[in-house]
Amino acid sequence: NFGWDEDKNDNSRASCSSELSNYITTIFLNRV
């Protein structure tokens, strides 16, 4: 899945959050 990361206040530009047991992940792009 893909989504915006609306609340990041650090210098990261994107992130990947994965549920290893289900093989489900969301890749986020930092909005700002």
ModelCIF file with pLDDT and N, C-alpha, C, O atoms, coordinates in Angstrom:
data_MODEL
#
_entry.id   MODEL 
#
_entity.id                         1 
_entity.type                       polymer 
_entity.pdbx_number_of_molecules   1 
#
_entity_poly.entity_id                      1 
_entity_poly.type                           'polypeptide(L)' 
_entity_poly.nstd_linkage                   no 
_entity_poly.nstd_monomer                   no 
_entity_poly.pdbx_seq_one_letter_code       NFGWDEDKNDNSRASCSSELSNYITTIFLNRV 
_entity_poly.pdbx_seq_one_letter_code_can   NFGWDEDKNDNSRASCSSELSNYITTIFLNRV 
_entity_poly.pdbx_strand_id                 A 
#
loop_
_entity_poly_seq.entity_id 
_entity_poly_seq.num 
_entity_poly_seq.mon_id 
_entity_poly_seq.hetero 
1 1  ASN n 
1 2  PHE n 
1 3  GLY n 
1 4  TRP n 
1 5  ASP n 
1 6  GLU n 
1 7  ASP n 
1 8  LYS n 
1 9  ASN n 
1 10 ASP n 
1 11 ASN n 
1 12 SER n 
1 13 ARG n 
1 14 ALA n 
1 15 SER n 
1 16 CYS n 
1 17 SER n 
1 18 SER n 
1 19 GLU n 
1 20 LEU n 
1 21 SER n 
1 22 ASN n 
1 23 TYR n 
1 24 ILE n 
1 25 THR n 
1 26 THR n 
1 27 ILE n 
1 28 PHE n 
1 29 LEU n 
1 30 ASN n 
1 31 ARG n 
1 32 VAL n 
#
_struct_asym.id          A 
_struct_asym.entity_id   1 
#
loop_
_ma_qa_metric.id 
_ma_qa_metric.mode 
_ma_qa_metric.name 
_ma_qa_metric.software_group_id 
_ma_qa_metric.type 
1 global pLDDT . pLDDT 
2 local  pLDDT . pLDDT 
#
_ma_qa_metric_global.metric_id      1 
_ma_qa_metric_global.metric_value   87.94 
_ma_qa_metric_global.model_id       1 
_ma_qa_metric_global.ordinal_id     1 
#
loop_
_ma_qa_metric_local.label_asym_id 
_ma_qa_metric_local.label_comp_id 
_ma_qa_metric_local.label_seq_id 
_ma_qa_metric_local.metric_id 
_ma_qa_metric_local.metric_value 
_ma_qa_metric_local.model_id 
_ma_qa_metric_local.ordinal_id 
A ASN 1  2 97.00 1 1  
A PHE 2  2 97.00 1 2  
A GLY 3  2 94.00 1 3  
A TRP 4  2 94.00 1 4  
A ASP 5  2 87.00 1 5  
A GLU 6  2 78.00 1 6  
A ASP 7  2 69.00 1 7  
A LYS 8  2 63.00 1 8  
A ASN 9  2 62.00 1 9  
A ASP 10 2 65.00 1 10 
A ASN 11 2 73.00 1 11 
A SER 12 2 83.00 1 12 
A ARG 13 2 90.00 1 13 
A ALA 14 2 93.00 1 14 
A SER 15 2 91.00 1 15 
A CYS 16 2 91.00 1 16 
A SER 17 2 92.00 1 17 
A SER 18 2 92.00 1 18 
A GLU 19 2 91.00 1 19 
A LEU 20 2 88.00 1 20 
A SER 21 2 87.00 1 21 
A ASN 22 2 92.00 1 22 
A TYR 23 2 94.00 1 23 
A ILE 24 2 95.00 1 24 
A THR 25 2 96.00 1 25 
A THR 26 2 96.00 1 26 
A ILE 27 2 97.00 1 27 
A PHE 28 2 96.00 1 28 
A LEU 29 2 95.00 1 29 
A ASN 30 2 94.00 1 30 
A ARG 31 2 92.00 1 31 
A VAL 32 2 90.00 1 32 
#
loop_
_atom_site.group_PDB 
_atom_site.id 
_atom_site.type_symbol 
_atom_site.label_atom_id 
_atom_site.label_alt_id 
_atom_site.label_comp_id 
_atom_site.label_asym_id 
_atom_site.label_entity_id 
_atom_site.label_seq_id 
_atom_site.pdbx_PDB_ins_code 
_atom_site.Cartn_x 
_atom_site.Cartn_y 
_atom_site.Cartn_z 
_atom_site.occupancy 
_atom_site.B_iso_or_equiv 
_atom_site.pdbx_formal_charge 
_atom_site.auth_seq_id 
_atom_site.auth_comp_id 
_atom_site.auth_asym_id 
_atom_site.auth_atom_id 
_atom_site.pdbx_PDB_model_num 
ATOM 1   N N  . ASN A 1 1  ? 0.863  -1.178  0.000  1.00 97.00 ? 1  ASN A N  1 
ATOM 2   C CA . ASN A 1 1  ? 0.000  0.000   0.000  1.00 97.00 ? 1  ASN A CA 1 
ATOM 3   C C  . ASN A 1 1  ? 0.900  1.229   0.000  1.00 97.00 ? 1  ASN A C  1 
ATOM 4   O O  . ASN A 1 1  ? 2.066  1.168   0.391  1.00 97.00 ? 1  ASN A O  1 
ATOM 5   N N  . PHE A 1 2  ? 0.336  2.337   -0.444 1.00 97.00 ? 2  PHE A N  1 
ATOM 6   C CA . PHE A 1 2  ? 1.081  3.591   -0.479 1.00 97.00 ? 2  PHE A CA 1 
ATOM 7   C C  . PHE A 1 2  ? 0.280  4.660   0.239  1.00 97.00 ? 2  PHE A C  1 
ATOM 8   O O  . PHE A 1 2  ? -0.951 4.655   0.214  1.00 97.00 ? 2  PHE A O  1 
ATOM 9   N N  . GLY A 1 3  ? 0.993  5.578   0.880  1.00 94.00 ? 3  GLY A N  1 
ATOM 10  C CA . GLY A 1 3  ? 0.300  6.651   1.576  1.00 94.00 ? 3  GLY A CA 1 
ATOM 11  C C  . GLY A 1 3  ? 1.216  7.832   1.826  1.00 94.00 ? 3  GLY A C  1 
ATOM 12  O O  . GLY A 1 3  ? 2.436  7.760   1.681  1.00 94.00 ? 3  GLY A O  1 
ATOM 13  N N  . TRP A 1 4  ? 0.576  8.914   2.204  1.00 94.00 ? 4  TRP A N  1 
ATOM 14  C CA . TRP A 1 4  ? 1.304  10.104  2.623  1.00 94.00 ? 4  TRP A CA 1 
ATOM 15  C C  . TRP A 1 4  ? 1.643  9.984   4.101  1.00 94.00 ? 4  TRP A C  1 
ATOM 16  O O  . TRP A 1 4  ? 0.838  9.484   4.886  1.00 94.00 ? 4  TRP A O  1 
ATOM 17  N N  . ASP A 1 5  ? 2.813  10.434  4.476  1.00 87.00 ? 5  ASP A N  1 
ATOM 18  C CA . ASP A 1 5  ? 3.147  10.612  5.888  1.00 87.00 ? 5  ASP A CA 1 
ATOM 19  C C  . ASP A 1 5  ? 2.980  12.100  6.167  1.00 87.00 ? 5  ASP A C  1 
ATOM 20  O O  . ASP A 1 5  ? 3.810  12.920  5.774  1.00 87.00 ? 5  ASP A O  1 
ATOM 21  N N  . GLU A 1 6  ? 1.912  12.424  6.840  1.00 78.00 ? 6  GLU A N  1 
ATOM 22  C CA . GLU A 1 6  ? 1.541  13.823  7.062  1.00 78.00 ? 6  GLU A CA 1 
ATOM 23  C C  . GLU A 1 6  ? 2.228  14.448  8.271  1.00 78.00 ? 6  GLU A C  1 
ATOM 24  O O  . GLU A 1 6  ? 2.349  15.670  8.349  1.00 78.00 ? 6  GLU A O  1 
ATOM 25  N N  . ASP A 1 7  ? 2.674  13.628  9.206  1.00 69.00 ? 7  ASP A N  1 
ATOM 26  C CA . ASP A 1 7  ? 3.087  14.149  10.511 1.00 69.00 ? 7  ASP A CA 1 
ATOM 27  C C  . ASP A 1 7  ? 4.578  14.118  10.778 1.00 69.00 ? 7  ASP A C  1 
ATOM 28  O O  . ASP A 1 7  ? 5.013  14.489  11.868 1.00 69.00 ? 7  ASP A O  1 
ATOM 29  N N  . LYS A 1 8  ? 5.364  13.689  9.817  1.00 63.00 ? 8  LYS A N  1 
ATOM 30  C CA . LYS A 1 8  ? 6.804  13.619  10.061 1.00 63.00 ? 8  LYS A CA 1 
ATOM 31  C C  . LYS A 1 8  ? 7.388  15.009  10.196 1.00 63.00 ? 8  LYS A C  1 
ATOM 32  O O  . LYS A 1 8  ? 7.160  15.878  9.355  1.00 63.00 ? 8  LYS A O  1 
ATOM 33  N N  . ASN A 1 9  ? 8.137  15.208  11.253 1.00 62.00 ? 9  ASN A N  1 
ATOM 34  C CA . ASN A 1 9  ? 8.795  16.496  11.456 1.00 62.00 ? 9  ASN A CA 1 
ATOM 35  C C  . ASN A 1 9  ? 10.309 16.356  11.419 1.00 62.00 ? 9  ASN A C  1 
ATOM 36  O O  . ASN A 1 9  ? 11.035 17.253  11.850 1.00 62.00 ? 9  ASN A O  1 
ATOM 37  N N  . ASP A 1 10 ? 10.774 15.242  10.910 1.00 65.00 ? 10 ASP A N  1 
ATOM 38  C CA . ASP A 1 10 ? 12.224 15.059  10.805 1.00 65.00 ? 10 ASP A CA 1 
ATOM 39  C C  . ASP A 1 10 ? 12.640 15.222  9.339  1.00 65.00 ? 10 ASP A C  1 
ATOM 40  O O  . ASP A 1 10 ? 11.847 15.680  8.517  1.00 65.00 ? 10 ASP A O  1 
ATOM 41  N N  . ASN A 1 11 ? 13.830 14.865  9.026  1.00 73.00 ? 11 ASN A N  1 
ATOM 42  C CA . ASN A 1 11 ? 14.340 15.040  7.667  1.00 73.00 ? 11 ASN A CA 1 
ATOM 43  C C  . ASN A 1 11 ? 14.105 13.830  6.777  1.00 73.00 ? 11 ASN A C  1 
ATOM 44  O O  . ASN A 1 11 ? 14.588 13.804  5.645  1.00 73.00 ? 11 ASN A O  1 
ATOM 45  N N  . SER A 1 12 ? 13.378 12.827  7.256  1.00 83.00 ? 12 SER A N  1 
ATOM 46  C CA . SER A 1 12 ? 13.145 11.659  6.412  1.00 83.00 ? 12 SER A CA 1 
ATOM 47  C C  . SER A 1 12 ? 12.226 12.036  5.257  1.00 83.00 ? 12 SER A C  1 
ATOM 48  O O  . SER A 1 12 ? 11.309 12.844  5.410  1.00 83.00 ? 12 SER A O  1 
ATOM 49  N N  . ARG A 1 13 ? 12.483 11.448  4.124  1.00 90.00 ? 13 ARG A N  1 
ATOM 50  C CA . ARG A 1 13 ? 11.693 11.768  2.946  1.00 90.00 ? 13 ARG A CA 1 
ATOM 51  C C  . ARG A 1 13 ? 10.628 10.725  2.681  1.00 90.00 ? 13 ARG A C  1 
ATOM 52  O O  . ARG A 1 13 ? 9.623  11.006  2.027  1.00 90.00 ? 13 ARG A O  1 
ATOM 53  N N  . ALA A 1 14 ? 10.846 9.518   3.187  1.00 93.00 ? 14 ALA A N  1 
ATOM 54  C CA . ALA A 1 14 ? 9.889  8.425   2.990  1.00 93.00 ? 14 ALA A CA 1 
ATOM 55  C C  . ALA A 1 14 ? 10.184 7.362   4.039  1.00 93.00 ? 14 ALA A C  1 
ATOM 56  O O  . ALA A 1 14 ? 11.202 7.413   4.730  1.00 93.00 ? 14 ALA A O  1 
ATOM 57  N N  . SER A 1 15 ? 9.269  6.393   4.144  1.00 91.00 ? 15 SER A N  1 
ATOM 58  C CA . SER A 1 15 ? 9.476  5.290   5.088  1.00 91.00 ? 15 SER A CA 1 
ATOM 59  C C  . SER A 1 15 ? 8.690  4.077   4.616  1.00 91.00 ? 15 SER A C  1 
ATOM 60  O O  . SER A 1 15 ? 7.810  4.169   3.761  1.00 91.00 ? 15 SER A O  1 
ATOM 61  N N  . CYS A 1 16 ? 9.036  2.946   5.199  1.00 91.00 ? 16 CYS A N  1 
ATOM 62  C CA . CYS A 1 16 ? 8.408  1.678   4.847  1.00 91.00 ? 16 CYS A CA 1 
ATOM 63  C C  . CYS A 1 16 ? 8.054  0.977   6.155  1.00 91.00 ? 16 CYS A C  1 
ATOM 64  O O  . CYS A 1 16 ? 8.926  0.736   6.990  1.00 91.00 ? 16 CYS A O  1 
ATOM 65  N N  . SER A 1 17 ? 6.781  0.652   6.331  1.00 92.00 ? 17 SER A N  1 
ATOM 66  C CA . SER A 1 17 ? 6.310  -0.010  7.543  1.00 92.00 ? 17 SER A CA 1 
ATOM 67  C C  . SER A 1 17 ? 5.707  -1.353  7.160  1.00 92.00 ? 17 SER A C  1 
ATOM 68  O O  . SER A 1 17 ? 4.738  -1.410  6.404  1.00 92.00 ? 17 SER A O  1 
ATOM 69  N N  . SER A 1 18 ? 6.281  -2.431  7.682  1.00 92.00 ? 18 SER A N  1 
ATOM 70  C CA . SER A 1 18 ? 5.890  -3.769  7.229  1.00 92.00 ? 18 SER A CA 1 
ATOM 71  C C  . SER A 1 18 ? 5.406  -4.658  8.359  1.00 92.00 ? 18 SER A C  1 
ATOM 72  O O  . SER A 1 18 ? 5.937  -4.627  9.469  1.00 92.00 ? 18 SER A O  1 
ATOM 73  N N  . GLU A 1 19 ? 4.383  -5.454  8.055  1.00 91.00 ? 19 GLU A N  1 
ATOM 74  C CA . GLU A 1 19 ? 3.920  -6.529  8.930  1.00 91.00 ? 19 GLU A CA 1 
ATOM 75  C C  . GLU A 1 19 ? 4.515  -7.818  8.372  1.00 91.00 ? 19 GLU A C  1 
ATOM 76  O O  . GLU A 1 19 ? 4.025  -8.361  7.382  1.00 91.00 ? 19 GLU A O  1 
ATOM 77  N N  . LEU A 1 20 ? 5.558  -8.293  9.006  1.00 88.00 ? 20 LEU A N  1 
ATOM 78  C CA . LEU A 1 20 ? 6.315  -9.412  8.459  1.00 88.00 ? 20 LEU A CA 1 
ATOM 79  C C  . LEU A 1 20 ? 5.510  -10.703 8.400  1.00 88.00 ? 20 LEU A C  1 
ATOM 80  O O  . LEU A 1 20 ? 5.664  -11.481 7.458  1.00 88.00 ? 20 LEU A O  1 
ATOM 81  N N  . SER A 1 21 ? 4.662  -10.941 9.377  1.00 87.00 ? 21 SER A N  1 
ATOM 82  C CA . SER A 1 21 ? 3.926  -12.205 9.406  1.00 87.00 ? 21 SER A CA 1 
ATOM 83  C C  . SER A 1 21 ? 2.863  -12.280 8.313  1.00 87.00 ? 21 SER A C  1 
ATOM 84  O O  . SER A 1 21 ? 2.495  -13.373 7.881  1.00 87.00 ? 21 SER A O  1 
ATOM 85  N N  . ASN A 1 22 ? 2.366  -11.126 7.863  1.00 92.00 ? 22 ASN A N  1 
ATOM 86  C CA . ASN A 1 22 ? 1.303  -11.092 6.849  1.00 92.00 ? 22 ASN A CA 1 
ATOM 87  C C  . ASN A 1 22 ? 1.803  -10.700 5.469  1.00 92.00 ? 22 ASN A C  1 
ATOM 88  O O  . ASN A 1 22 ? 1.046  -10.752 4.500  1.00 92.00 ? 22 ASN A O  1 
ATOM 89  N N  . TYR A 1 23 ? 3.063  -10.308 5.367  1.00 94.00 ? 23 TYR A N  1 
ATOM 90  C CA . TYR A 1 23 ? 3.605  -9.788  4.111  1.00 94.00 ? 23 TYR A CA 1 
ATOM 91  C C  . TYR A 1 23 ? 2.769  -8.613  3.600  1.00 94.00 ? 23 TYR A C  1 
ATOM 92  O O  . TYR A 1 23 ? 2.399  -8.558  2.427  1.00 94.00 ? 23 TYR A O  1 
ATOM 93  N N  . ILE A 1 24 ? 2.484  -7.684  4.500  1.00 95.00 ? 24 ILE A N  1 
ATOM 94  C CA . ILE A 1 24 ? 1.765  -6.467  4.150  1.00 95.00 ? 24 ILE A CA 1 
ATOM 95  C C  . ILE A 1 24 ? 2.658  -5.287  4.512  1.00 95.00 ? 24 ILE A C  1 
ATOM 96  O O  . ILE A 1 24 ? 3.234  -5.247  5.600  1.00 95.00 ? 24 ILE A O  1 
ATOM 97  N N  . THR A 1 25 ? 2.770  -4.342  3.612  1.00 96.00 ? 25 THR A N  1 
ATOM 98  C CA . THR A 1 25 ? 3.594  -3.172  3.889  1.00 96.00 ? 25 THR A CA 1 
ATOM 99  C C  . THR A 1 25 ? 2.921  -1.910  3.373  1.00 96.00 ? 25 THR A C  1 
ATOM 100 O O  . THR A 1 25 ? 2.116  -1.952  2.442  1.00 96.00 ? 25 THR A O  1 
ATOM 101 N N  . THR A 1 26 ? 3.263  -0.798  3.989  1.00 96.00 ? 26 THR A N  1 
ATOM 102 C CA . THR A 1 26 ? 2.861  0.500   3.477  1.00 96.00 ? 26 THR A CA 1 
ATOM 103 C C  . THR A 1 26 ? 4.125  1.330   3.297  1.00 96.00 ? 26 THR A C  1 
ATOM 104 O O  . THR A 1 26 ? 4.939  1.470   4.209  1.00 96.00 ? 26 THR A O  1 
ATOM 105 N N  . ILE A 1 27 ? 4.259  1.866   2.108  1.00 97.00 ? 27 ILE A N  1 
ATOM 106 C CA . ILE A 1 27 ? 5.374  2.753   1.806  1.00 97.00 ? 27 ILE A CA 1 
ATOM 107 C C  . ILE A 1 27 ? 4.813  4.173   1.822  1.00 97.00 ? 27 ILE A C  1 
ATOM 108 O O  . ILE A 1 27 ? 3.899  4.513   1.070  1.00 97.00 ? 27 ILE A O  1 
ATOM 109 N N  . PHE A 1 28 ? 5.387  4.981   2.697  1.00 96.00 ? 28 PHE A N  1 
ATOM 110 C CA . PHE A 1 28 ? 4.916  6.347   2.903  1.00 96.00 ? 28 PHE A CA 1 
ATOM 111 C C  . PHE A 1 28 ? 5.875  7.343   2.267  1.00 96.00 ? 28 PHE A C  1 
ATOM 112 O O  . PHE A 1 28 ? 7.094  7.182   2.331  1.00 96.00 ? 28 PHE A O  1 
ATOM 113 N N  . LEU A 1 29 ? 5.312  8.363   1.659  1.00 95.00 ? 29 LEU A N  1 
ATOM 114 C CA . LEU A 1 29 ? 6.085  9.502   1.183  1.00 95.00 ? 29 LEU A CA 1 
ATOM 115 C C  . LEU A 1 29 ? 5.787  10.666  2.121  1.00 95.00 ? 29 LEU A C  1 
ATOM 116 O O  . LEU A 1 29 ? 4.627  11.006  2.355  1.00 95.00 ? 29 LEU A O  1 
ATOM 117 N N  . ASN A 1 30 ? 6.837  11.269  2.652  1.00 94.00 ? 30 ASN A N  1 
ATOM 118 C CA . ASN A 1 30 ? 6.651  12.405  3.542  1.00 94.00 ? 30 ASN A CA 1 
ATOM 119 C C  . ASN A 1 30 ? 6.040  13.564  2.748  1.00 94.00 ? 30 ASN A C  1 
ATOM 120 O O  . ASN A 1 30 ? 6.546  13.927  1.686  1.00 94.00 ? 30 ASN A O  1 
ATOM 121 N N  . ARG A 1 31 ? 4.972  14.131  3.254  1.00 92.00 ? 31 ARG A N  1 
ATOM 122 C CA . ARG A 1 31 ? 4.244  15.199  2.548  1.00 92.00 ? 31 ARG A CA 1 
ATOM 123 C C  . ARG A 1 31 ? 5.049  16.488  2.481  1.00 92.00 ? 31 ARG A C  1 
ATOM 124 O O  . ARG A 1 31 ? 4.939  17.231  1.505  1.00 92.00 ? 31 ARG A O  1 
ATOM 125 N N  . VAL A 1 32 ? 5.859  16.768  3.503  1.00 90.00 ? 32 VAL A N  1 
ATOM 126 C CA . VAL A 1 32 ? 6.587  18.037  3.562  1.00 90.00 ? 32 VAL A CA 1 
ATOM 127 C C  . VAL A 1 32 ? 8.093  17.769  3.538  1.00 90.00 ? 32 VAL A C  1 
ATOM 128 O O  . VAL A 1 32 ? 8.887  18.708  3.581  1.00 90.00 ? 32 VAL A O  1 
#
